[in-house]
């Protein structure tokens, strides 16, 4: 058997899930004539099918290079499952399991036999298989159709489906009553707050919330409290009807909007502004960087998010990692309130690496190309970290070496400990690192960040 690539989907929702995964990876490393090329990030997902009352899954994917024949590899995977305590009930599909190792693709093998079907017959119907696989092997081909993983994921997202009509409400009070009815019925609410002008990054948050909850609620409100530049607030695009159409396709059940007066009834002053005394203190995570450059921004964020949580009372809320410092502020707020849990989702990016943002639409084509230097700078910082560098000043130099070669006006290019936020740059070597950049180009302000100590995306050969 010649060497080929094999993709394994990994899942567990019983017992010590992290332990099951680590032991499975150790067993895969011990397979003869086989090596691990890549390991995806691990995703928390809701069960699809099977008996009611199951726990959430820890899902991921592994890419192997192997000489083992498909049947031999499948037998070895099933042996690892048994060693992990996996028990199968005849005739029951999608039951809880300590460990599930599905052979998704084995080179160009196309097999349909009683004990093995390749490519895996249901892999392209499962986001929890395709999404982690797309992280590590986007060009891997399903031999029966010739489509690659990214194409299969796009087809899954665009699949025809029965989508219930979305409810669109223009008053927070009406949204509050709607959410109360949903909660009283026992449904779990996932909440995605937005300012509209939706793009693929927002829709990814909604899709994830739809996978993990019974109902998804999305707010669409351009919050004047968080704009430090009036012109920026006035230029911000608004298209509630268009946003609602996109949210319906992504799986949202409710979209609502409002005005400052309807979010804070009876609380505005004679000029129609919210008195300063009613603004929340955003806490220590708001100090430095964005907090220093945008006076009052995080107080405005914390105040509106607090009110949105009052309106929706969600079981969980979803935010994008692109606004990293904001996610820290929101987490602090949620802890102070006693909830909801905050899920921070990876930054959605354009093909160039540029972080998706509503502001990108204001970039001229040449500026859009030049702005991709921000992501390249972050990657340069990550490469420097992986080379063993931990000194903040040296990491910052790696960022600036890329940024300064591009036509960008740099506001900051720096690093912080993501678990111990400080207003100023740390002086001691870091144990954990988050690189953060803010820059302007063509009159548009862009921000982005990257976790420096994240595992290498491909897990590298082991």
Protein backbone atom coordinates (compact mmCIF):
# COMPACT_ATOMS: atom_id res chain seq x y z
CA UNK A 1 0.00 0.00 0.00
CA UNK A 2 1.51 3.37 -1.01
CA UNK A 3 1.50 6.23 1.47
CA UNK A 4 -1.59 8.41 1.41
CA UNK A 5 -3.46 10.99 3.46
CA UNK A 6 -6.25 9.84 5.77
CA UNK A 7 -8.68 12.12 7.62
CA UNK A 8 -10.11 11.09 10.99
CA UNK A 9 -13.10 12.78 12.64
CA UNK A 10 -12.88 12.67 16.44
CA UNK A 11 -15.79 13.02 18.85
CA UNK A 12 -16.51 12.37 22.53
CA UNK A 13 -19.36 13.34 24.87
CA UNK A 14 -19.06 10.93 27.81
CA UNK A 15 -16.69 11.06 30.76
CA UNK A 16 -13.29 12.76 30.63
CA UNK A 17 -13.59 14.16 27.13
CA UNK A 18 -10.22 15.92 27.10
CA UNK A 19 -8.57 12.80 28.46
CA UNK A 20 -10.21 10.60 25.82
CA UNK A 21 -8.92 12.92 23.09
CA UNK A 22 -5.36 13.02 24.44
CA UNK A 23 -5.20 9.25 24.81
CA UNK A 24 -6.62 8.79 21.31
CA UNK A 25 -3.93 11.07 19.86
CA UNK A 26 -1.27 9.11 21.74
CA UNK A 27 -2.64 5.85 20.29
CA UNK A 28 -2.69 7.31 16.77
CA UNK A 29 0.96 8.29 17.14
CA UNK A 30 1.79 4.65 17.89
CA UNK A 31 0.17 3.25 14.74
CA UNK A 32 2.72 1.53 12.50
CA UNK A 33 3.87 3.30 9.31
CA UNK A 34 1.64 6.25 10.23
CA UNK A 35 2.30 9.77 11.43
CA UNK A 36 0.09 12.67 12.46
CA UNK A 37 0.42 15.63 10.10
CA UNK A 38 -2.22 17.92 11.57
CA UNK A 39 -4.65 18.30 14.48
CA UNK A 40 -7.51 20.78 14.40
CA UNK A 41 -8.75 22.95 17.20
CA UNK A 42 -11.34 21.29 19.44
CA UNK A 43 -14.96 22.41 19.04
CA UNK A 44 -17.84 22.26 21.52
CA UNK A 45 -20.97 21.10 19.67
CA UNK A 46 -24.49 20.00 20.44
CA UNK A 47 -25.51 16.39 19.68
CA UNK A 48 -27.03 15.76 16.24
CA UNK A 49 -29.64 13.00 16.35
CA UNK A 50 -29.59 10.12 18.81
CA UNK A 51 -31.31 9.83 22.20
CA UNK A 52 -32.45 12.98 24.02
CA UNK A 53 -30.51 14.32 26.99
CA UNK A 54 -27.00 13.71 25.68
CA UNK A 55 -24.09 15.87 26.76
CA UNK A 56 -22.26 18.23 24.41
CA UNK A 57 -19.53 16.89 22.16
CA UNK A 58 -15.88 17.72 21.89
CA UNK A 59 -15.19 17.39 18.16
CA UNK A 60 -12.10 17.78 16.02
CA UNK A 61 -10.17 16.27 13.15
CA UNK A 62 -6.79 14.64 12.60
CA UNK A 63 -4.87 14.33 9.34
CA UNK A 64 -2.64 11.27 8.99
CA UNK A 65 -0.05 10.08 6.52
CA UNK A 66 -0.16 6.30 6.44
CA UNK A 67 0.80 3.09 4.63
CA UNK A 68 -2.04 1.18 6.29
CA UNK A 69 -4.80 -0.12 4.02
CA UNK A 70 -8.28 1.37 4.66
CA UNK A 71 -9.67 -1.77 6.28
CA UNK A 72 -6.60 -2.15 8.50
CA UNK A 73 -6.69 1.49 9.59
CA UNK A 74 -10.42 1.29 10.35
CA UNK A 75 -9.83 -1.82 12.46
CA UNK A 76 -7.10 -0.02 14.41
CA UNK A 77 -9.40 2.99 14.98
CA UNK A 78 -12.16 0.73 16.29
CA UNK A 79 -9.68 -0.94 18.64
CA UNK A 80 -8.72 2.49 20.05
CA UNK A 81 -12.44 3.22 20.56
CA UNK A 82 -12.91 -0.02 22.49
CA UNK A 83 -9.86 0.70 24.63
CA UNK A 84 -11.52 4.04 25.51
CA UNK A 85 -14.65 2.23 26.72
CA UNK A 86 -16.76 2.66 23.58
CA UNK A 87 -19.80 0.39 23.55
CA UNK A 88 -22.18 0.11 20.61
CA UNK A 89 -25.84 -0.77 20.93
CA UNK A 90 -27.01 -2.73 17.87
CA UNK A 91 -29.46 -0.72 15.79
CA UNK A 92 -28.87 2.55 17.69
CA UNK A 93 -27.16 5.37 15.78
CA UNK A 94 -25.73 8.57 17.25
CA UNK A 95 -25.77 7.29 20.82
CA UNK A 96 -23.47 8.86 23.45
CA UNK A 97 -19.92 7.64 23.24
CA UNK A 98 -16.65 7.88 25.13
CA UNK A 99 -14.78 8.07 21.82
CA UNK A 100 -15.69 8.11 18.15
CA UNK A 101 -12.97 7.84 15.49
CA UNK A 102 -14.49 7.98 12.01
CA UNK A 103 -12.36 7.31 8.96
CA UNK A 104 -13.59 10.08 6.66
CA UNK A 105 -11.18 9.91 3.74
CA UNK A 106 -8.40 7.47 2.85
CA UNK A 107 -6.46 8.77 -0.13
CA UNK A 108 -8.44 8.24 -3.31
CA UNK A 109 -10.22 5.17 -1.96
CA UNK A 110 -13.87 4.74 -2.94
CA UNK A 111 -15.27 1.70 -1.15
CA UNK A 112 -18.82 0.53 -0.48
CA UNK A 113 -18.83 -2.68 1.51
CA UNK A 114 -20.81 -3.96 4.48
CA UNK A 115 -18.11 -3.05 7.01
CA UNK A 116 -16.56 0.02 5.39
CA UNK A 117 -17.78 2.88 3.19
CA UNK A 118 -15.35 5.52 1.90
CA UNK A 119 -15.48 8.42 1.79
CA UNK A 120 -17.57 8.39 4.96
CA UNK A 121 -21.21 8.56 3.83
CA UNK A 122 -22.38 11.21 6.32
CA UNK A 123 -19.26 13.35 6.72
CA UNK A 124 -20.45 15.97 4.23
CA UNK A 125 -23.73 16.33 6.13
CA UNK A 126 -22.00 17.25 9.39
CA UNK A 127 -20.58 20.69 10.15
CA UNK A 128 -18.80 19.24 13.19
CA UNK A 129 -16.76 17.11 10.77
CA UNK A 130 -16.25 19.59 7.93
CA UNK A 131 -15.38 22.68 9.97
CA UNK A 132 -12.42 21.22 11.92
CA UNK A 133 -11.27 19.34 8.83
CA UNK A 134 -11.31 22.58 6.83
CA UNK A 135 -8.89 24.08 9.36
CA UNK A 136 -6.18 21.51 8.67
CA UNK A 137 -6.88 20.06 5.20
CA UNK A 138 -9.07 22.44 3.18
CA UNK A 139 -7.89 20.98 -0.15
CA UNK A 140 -8.33 17.33 0.81
CA UNK A 141 -10.47 15.67 -1.86
CA UNK A 142 -13.50 13.42 -1.45
CA UNK A 143 -12.63 10.90 -4.15
CA UNK A 144 -16.21 9.93 -5.03
CA UNK A 145 -17.19 13.45 -6.13
CA UNK A 146 -13.87 15.24 -6.61
CA UNK A 147 -14.88 18.16 -4.37
CA UNK A 148 -12.51 19.27 -1.64
CA UNK A 149 -13.29 19.92 2.01
CA UNK A 150 -13.80 23.67 1.58
CA UNK A 151 -16.18 23.08 -1.34
CA UNK A 152 -18.10 20.50 0.69
CA UNK A 153 -18.37 22.91 3.61
CA UNK A 154 -19.63 25.69 1.32
CA UNK A 155 -22.22 23.29 -0.15
CA UNK A 156 -23.36 22.30 3.35
CA UNK A 157 -23.80 25.93 4.34
CA UNK A 158 -25.75 26.69 1.15
CA UNK A 159 -27.91 23.58 1.36
CA UNK A 160 -31.69 23.95 0.94
CA UNK A 161 -33.39 23.81 4.31
CA UNK A 162 -36.64 24.58 5.95
CA UNK A 163 -36.13 27.89 7.69
CA UNK A 164 -38.93 29.15 9.87
CA UNK A 165 -39.90 32.74 9.19
CA UNK A 166 -37.75 35.09 11.21
CA UNK A 167 -39.47 37.53 13.54
CA UNK A 168 -38.28 41.14 13.13
CA UNK A 169 -39.14 43.60 15.90
CA UNK A 170 -38.44 47.32 16.16
CA UNK A 171 -38.95 47.72 19.90
CA UNK A 172 -36.79 46.26 22.70
CA UNK A 173 -39.90 45.89 24.88
CA UNK A 174 -41.49 43.62 22.28
CA UNK A 175 -38.27 41.63 22.01
CA UNK A 176 -38.18 41.25 25.80
CA UNK A 177 -41.70 39.78 25.81
CA UNK A 178 -40.89 37.47 22.86
CA UNK A 179 -37.77 36.13 24.60
CA UNK A 180 -39.67 35.61 27.84
CA UNK A 181 -42.21 33.43 26.01
CA UNK A 182 -39.42 31.38 24.44
CA UNK A 183 -37.71 30.82 27.79
CA UNK A 184 -41.00 29.84 29.44
CA UNK A 185 -41.41 27.10 26.81
CA UNK A 186 -38.08 25.62 27.90
CA UNK A 187 -36.11 26.58 24.80
CA UNK A 188 -32.45 27.56 25.09
CA UNK A 189 -31.61 31.02 23.69
CA UNK A 190 -28.31 31.84 22.04
CA UNK A 191 -27.73 35.58 21.61
CA UNK A 192 -25.57 37.44 19.08
CA UNK A 193 -25.39 41.24 19.59
CA UNK A 194 -24.45 43.21 16.46
CA UNK A 195 -24.50 46.72 15.07
CA UNK A 196 -25.76 45.52 11.71
CA UNK A 197 -23.98 45.93 8.36
CA UNK A 198 -23.65 42.19 8.62
CA UNK A 199 -20.91 40.16 6.96
CA UNK A 200 -19.77 36.55 6.97
CA UNK A 201 -18.11 36.97 10.36
CA UNK A 202 -21.45 37.86 11.99
CA UNK A 203 -23.20 35.04 10.18
CA UNK A 204 -20.65 32.51 11.45
CA UNK A 205 -21.57 33.55 15.00
CA UNK A 206 -25.26 33.07 14.18
CA UNK A 207 -24.67 29.66 12.59
CA UNK A 208 -22.71 28.48 15.59
CA UNK A 209 -25.39 29.75 17.95
CA UNK A 210 -28.00 27.93 15.84
CA UNK A 211 -26.07 24.67 16.14
CA UNK A 212 -25.75 24.98 19.90
CA UNK A 213 -29.16 26.36 20.93
CA UNK A 214 -32.86 25.97 20.26
CA UNK A 215 -33.38 29.61 19.30
CA UNK A 216 -31.03 32.35 18.11
CA UNK A 217 -31.77 36.00 18.88
CA UNK A 218 -29.79 38.79 17.19
CA UNK A 219 -29.82 42.46 18.10
CA UNK A 220 -29.12 45.02 15.36
CA UNK A 221 -28.40 48.38 16.95
CA UNK A 222 -25.85 51.04 16.04
CA UNK A 223 -25.02 52.11 19.57
CA UNK A 224 -24.17 55.82 19.82
CA UNK A 225 -22.76 55.34 23.31
CA UNK A 226 -19.66 53.54 22.02
CA UNK A 227 -18.65 55.93 19.20
CA UNK A 228 -15.95 58.41 20.13
CA UNK A 229 -16.13 60.03 16.68
CA UNK A 230 -19.54 61.44 15.69
CA UNK A 231 -18.67 61.22 11.99
CA UNK A 232 -17.92 57.52 12.36
CA UNK A 233 -21.34 56.98 13.94
CA UNK A 234 -23.09 58.94 11.19
CA UNK A 235 -21.29 57.04 8.40
CA UNK A 236 -21.98 53.63 9.88
CA UNK A 237 -24.15 51.69 7.36
CA UNK A 238 -27.71 50.81 8.36
CA UNK A 239 -29.91 48.30 6.52
CA UNK A 240 -32.12 46.49 9.02
CA UNK A 241 -34.29 44.85 6.34
CA UNK A 242 -31.23 43.53 4.49
CA UNK A 243 -29.69 42.29 7.74
CA UNK A 244 -32.91 40.46 8.61
CA UNK A 245 -32.86 38.60 5.29
CA UNK A 246 -29.30 37.44 5.91
CA UNK A 247 -30.09 36.42 9.49
CA UNK A 248 -33.06 34.34 8.35
CA UNK A 249 -30.82 32.34 6.02
CA UNK A 250 -28.26 31.86 8.79
CA UNK A 251 -30.85 30.40 11.18
CA UNK A 252 -31.86 33.27 13.48
CA UNK A 253 -35.37 33.20 14.91
CA UNK A 254 -35.58 36.82 16.09
CA UNK A 255 -33.88 40.03 14.99
CA UNK A 256 -34.67 43.21 16.85
CA UNK A 257 -33.56 46.80 16.86
CA UNK A 258 -34.47 49.99 18.69
CA UNK A 259 -33.33 53.50 19.51
CA UNK A 260 -31.46 54.89 22.46
CA UNK A 261 -34.81 56.12 23.82
CA UNK A 262 -36.47 52.71 23.53
CA UNK A 263 -33.53 50.88 25.08
CA UNK A 264 -33.42 53.37 27.96
CA UNK A 265 -37.04 54.54 28.33
CA UNK A 266 -37.44 57.48 30.68
CA UNK A 267 -33.68 57.64 31.36
CA UNK A 268 -32.45 60.13 28.74
CA UNK A 269 -31.89 63.79 29.51
CA UNK A 270 -33.55 66.74 27.77
CA UNK A 271 -30.99 66.59 24.96
CA UNK A 272 -31.78 62.92 24.30
CA UNK A 273 -28.51 61.67 25.79
CA UNK A 274 -27.95 59.09 28.48
CA UNK A 275 -26.63 60.84 31.60
CA UNK A 276 -23.03 60.02 32.37
CA UNK A 277 -23.96 58.66 35.80
CA UNK A 278 -25.90 55.84 34.10
CA UNK A 279 -22.91 54.64 32.09
CA UNK A 280 -21.36 51.49 33.52
CA UNK A 281 -17.74 51.32 34.61
CA UNK A 282 -16.23 48.84 32.13
CA UNK A 283 -13.56 47.71 34.58
CA UNK A 284 -9.80 47.14 34.37
CA UNK A 285 -9.88 45.30 31.05
CA UNK A 286 -10.89 48.60 29.42
CA UNK A 287 -7.63 50.30 30.39
CA UNK A 288 -5.00 50.94 27.74
CA UNK A 289 -5.02 50.46 23.95
CA UNK A 290 -8.61 50.85 22.70
CA UNK A 291 -9.68 52.28 26.05
CA UNK A 292 -6.96 54.92 25.90
CA UNK A 293 -7.49 55.81 22.24
CA UNK A 294 -11.29 55.83 22.28
CA UNK A 295 -12.48 57.75 25.31
CA UNK A 296 -15.74 56.37 26.70
CA UNK A 297 -15.93 53.57 24.12
CA UNK A 298 -15.93 50.65 26.54
CA UNK A 299 -18.31 52.36 28.96
CA UNK A 300 -20.72 52.60 26.03
CA UNK A 301 -20.16 48.96 25.12
CA UNK A 302 -20.67 47.71 28.67
CA UNK A 303 -23.79 49.84 29.15
CA UNK A 304 -25.58 48.65 26.01
CA UNK A 305 -24.53 45.02 26.40
CA UNK A 306 -25.82 45.07 29.96
CA UNK A 307 -29.16 46.39 28.72
CA UNK A 308 -29.25 43.84 25.87
CA UNK A 309 -28.70 41.04 28.37
CA UNK A 310 -31.63 42.42 30.37
CA UNK A 311 -33.85 42.36 27.28
CA UNK A 312 -32.92 38.91 25.99
CA UNK A 313 -31.83 37.07 29.16
CA UNK A 314 -29.94 34.57 26.99
CA UNK A 315 -28.60 31.21 28.07
CA UNK A 316 -25.35 32.03 26.24
CA UNK A 317 -23.98 34.94 24.18
CA UNK A 318 -21.55 34.92 21.26
CA UNK A 319 -18.87 37.48 20.42
CA UNK A 320 -16.10 37.58 17.82
CA UNK A 321 -12.44 37.55 18.85
CA UNK A 322 -11.51 40.35 16.43
CA UNK A 323 -12.52 42.86 19.14
CA UNK A 324 -10.31 41.10 21.70
CA UNK A 325 -10.22 43.78 24.39
CA UNK A 326 -13.98 44.13 24.08
CA UNK A 327 -14.42 40.42 24.78
CA UNK A 328 -12.51 40.89 28.04
CA UNK A 329 -14.79 43.77 29.02
CA UNK A 330 -17.88 41.71 28.19
CA UNK A 331 -16.62 38.73 30.16
CA UNK A 332 -16.02 40.98 33.17
CA UNK A 333 -19.55 42.35 32.82
CA UNK A 334 -21.07 38.87 32.57
CA UNK A 335 -19.18 37.70 35.65
CA UNK A 336 -20.41 40.71 37.61
CA UNK A 337 -24.00 39.99 36.51
CA UNK A 338 -23.77 36.27 37.16
CA UNK A 339 -24.07 35.40 33.46
CA UNK A 340 -24.63 34.64 30.71
CA UNK A 341 -21.67 32.49 29.67
CA UNK A 342 -19.69 34.19 26.90
CA UNK A 343 -18.50 32.22 23.87
CA UNK A 344 -15.68 33.93 21.97
CA UNK A 345 -15.47 32.72 18.37
CA UNK A 346 -12.42 32.81 16.12
CA UNK A 347 -11.98 35.80 13.85
CA UNK A 348 -13.48 35.34 10.38
CA UNK A 349 -11.05 36.35 7.65
CA UNK A 350 -11.02 37.20 3.99
CA UNK A 351 -8.83 35.13 1.66
CA UNK A 352 -5.97 37.61 2.18
CA UNK A 353 -6.13 37.15 5.95
CA UNK A 354 -7.74 40.55 6.52
CA UNK A 355 -10.17 40.29 9.44
CA UNK A 356 -13.76 40.63 8.27
CA UNK A 357 -15.27 43.94 9.34
CA UNK A 358 -18.09 46.20 8.24
CA UNK A 359 -15.42 48.87 7.82
CA UNK A 360 -13.73 46.88 5.06
CA UNK A 361 -16.43 48.00 2.64
CA UNK A 362 -15.07 51.54 2.92
CA UNK A 363 -11.59 50.47 1.75
CA UNK A 364 -10.46 51.26 -1.77
CA UNK A 365 -9.26 48.14 -3.65
CA UNK A 366 -5.59 49.09 -3.28
CA UNK A 367 -6.06 49.86 0.41
CA UNK A 368 -7.77 46.52 0.95
CA UNK A 369 -4.72 44.77 -0.46
CA UNK A 370 -2.34 46.85 1.64
CA UNK A 371 -4.41 46.21 4.79
CA UNK A 372 -3.62 42.50 4.59
CA UNK A 373 -0.21 43.46 6.02
CA UNK A 374 -1.93 43.58 9.42
CA UNK A 375 -2.53 39.83 9.39
CA UNK A 376 0.93 39.16 7.99
CA UNK A 377 2.39 41.16 10.86
CA UNK A 378 0.44 39.12 13.40
CA UNK A 379 1.68 35.91 11.78
CA UNK A 380 5.24 37.24 11.92
CA UNK A 381 4.75 37.78 15.64
CA UNK A 382 3.49 34.23 16.02
CA UNK A 383 6.46 32.81 14.10
CA UNK A 384 8.78 34.79 16.38
CA UNK A 385 7.00 33.39 19.45
CA UNK A 386 7.30 29.85 18.12
CA UNK A 387 11.02 30.37 17.61
CA UNK A 388 11.28 30.76 21.40
CA UNK A 389 11.13 34.55 21.78
CA UNK A 390 9.13 35.71 24.81
CA UNK A 391 10.36 39.29 25.34
CA UNK A 392 7.56 41.78 24.61
CA UNK A 393 9.87 44.31 22.96
CA UNK A 394 11.25 41.73 20.55
CA UNK A 395 7.77 40.49 19.69
CA UNK A 396 6.65 44.05 19.01
CA UNK A 397 9.63 44.54 16.69
CA UNK A 398 8.49 41.51 14.70
CA UNK A 399 5.05 43.07 14.27
CA UNK A 400 6.38 46.46 13.25
CA UNK A 401 8.90 45.06 10.79
CA UNK A 402 5.97 44.03 8.59
CA UNK A 403 3.61 46.92 9.31
CA UNK A 404 6.17 49.63 8.65
CA UNK A 405 6.75 48.30 5.15
CA UNK A 406 3.08 48.90 4.29
CA UNK A 407 1.28 52.25 3.75
CA UNK A 408 -0.41 52.10 7.15
CA UNK A 409 -0.65 54.64 9.95
CA UNK A 410 0.09 52.47 12.98
CA UNK A 411 -1.76 53.33 16.19
CA UNK A 412 -0.36 50.39 18.14
CA UNK A 413 1.37 47.09 17.50
CA UNK A 414 1.88 45.40 20.82
CA UNK A 415 1.52 42.30 22.97
CA UNK A 416 -0.28 41.49 26.20
CA UNK A 417 -0.87 38.50 28.46
CA UNK A 418 -4.44 37.53 27.46
CA UNK A 419 -5.15 36.14 30.93
CA UNK A 420 -3.65 39.04 32.88
CA UNK A 421 -4.54 42.26 31.07
CA UNK A 422 -2.37 45.31 31.77
CA UNK A 423 -2.75 48.85 30.40
CA UNK A 424 0.95 49.00 29.58
CA UNK A 425 3.22 46.58 27.77
CA UNK A 426 4.53 43.91 30.17
CA UNK A 427 8.24 44.17 30.86
CA UNK A 428 8.94 40.57 31.84
CA UNK A 429 9.00 37.68 29.35
CA UNK A 430 5.52 36.36 28.67
CA UNK A 431 4.15 32.90 29.40
CA UNK A 432 1.12 33.60 27.17
CA UNK A 433 0.86 36.14 24.40
CA UNK A 434 -1.77 38.05 22.45
CA UNK A 435 -0.56 40.32 19.65
CA UNK A 436 -2.80 43.32 18.95
CA UNK A 437 -2.68 45.84 16.12
CA UNK A 438 -4.63 48.99 15.28
CA UNK A 439 -3.88 50.97 12.12
CA UNK A 440 -5.49 53.35 9.68
CA UNK A 441 -5.46 53.29 5.90
CA UNK A 442 -7.48 55.43 3.52
CA UNK A 443 -9.26 57.03 6.47
CA UNK A 444 -10.49 53.66 7.77
CA UNK A 445 -9.46 52.37 11.19
CA UNK A 446 -8.82 48.62 11.44
CA UNK A 447 -8.01 46.39 14.40
CA UNK A 448 -6.94 42.77 14.63
CA UNK A 449 -5.21 40.38 17.00
CA UNK A 450 -3.79 36.86 17.21
CA UNK A 451 -3.01 34.45 20.02
CA UNK A 452 0.74 33.88 19.80
CA UNK A 453 0.95 30.74 21.94
CA UNK A 454 -1.88 28.91 20.15
CA UNK A 455 -0.98 25.38 19.02
CA UNK A 456 0.32 25.28 15.48
CA UNK A 457 -2.71 24.83 13.20
CA UNK A 458 -1.36 21.72 11.60
CA UNK A 459 -0.16 20.21 14.85
CA UNK A 460 2.99 19.52 12.74
CA UNK A 461 4.46 16.10 12.20
CA UNK A 462 4.71 14.16 15.45
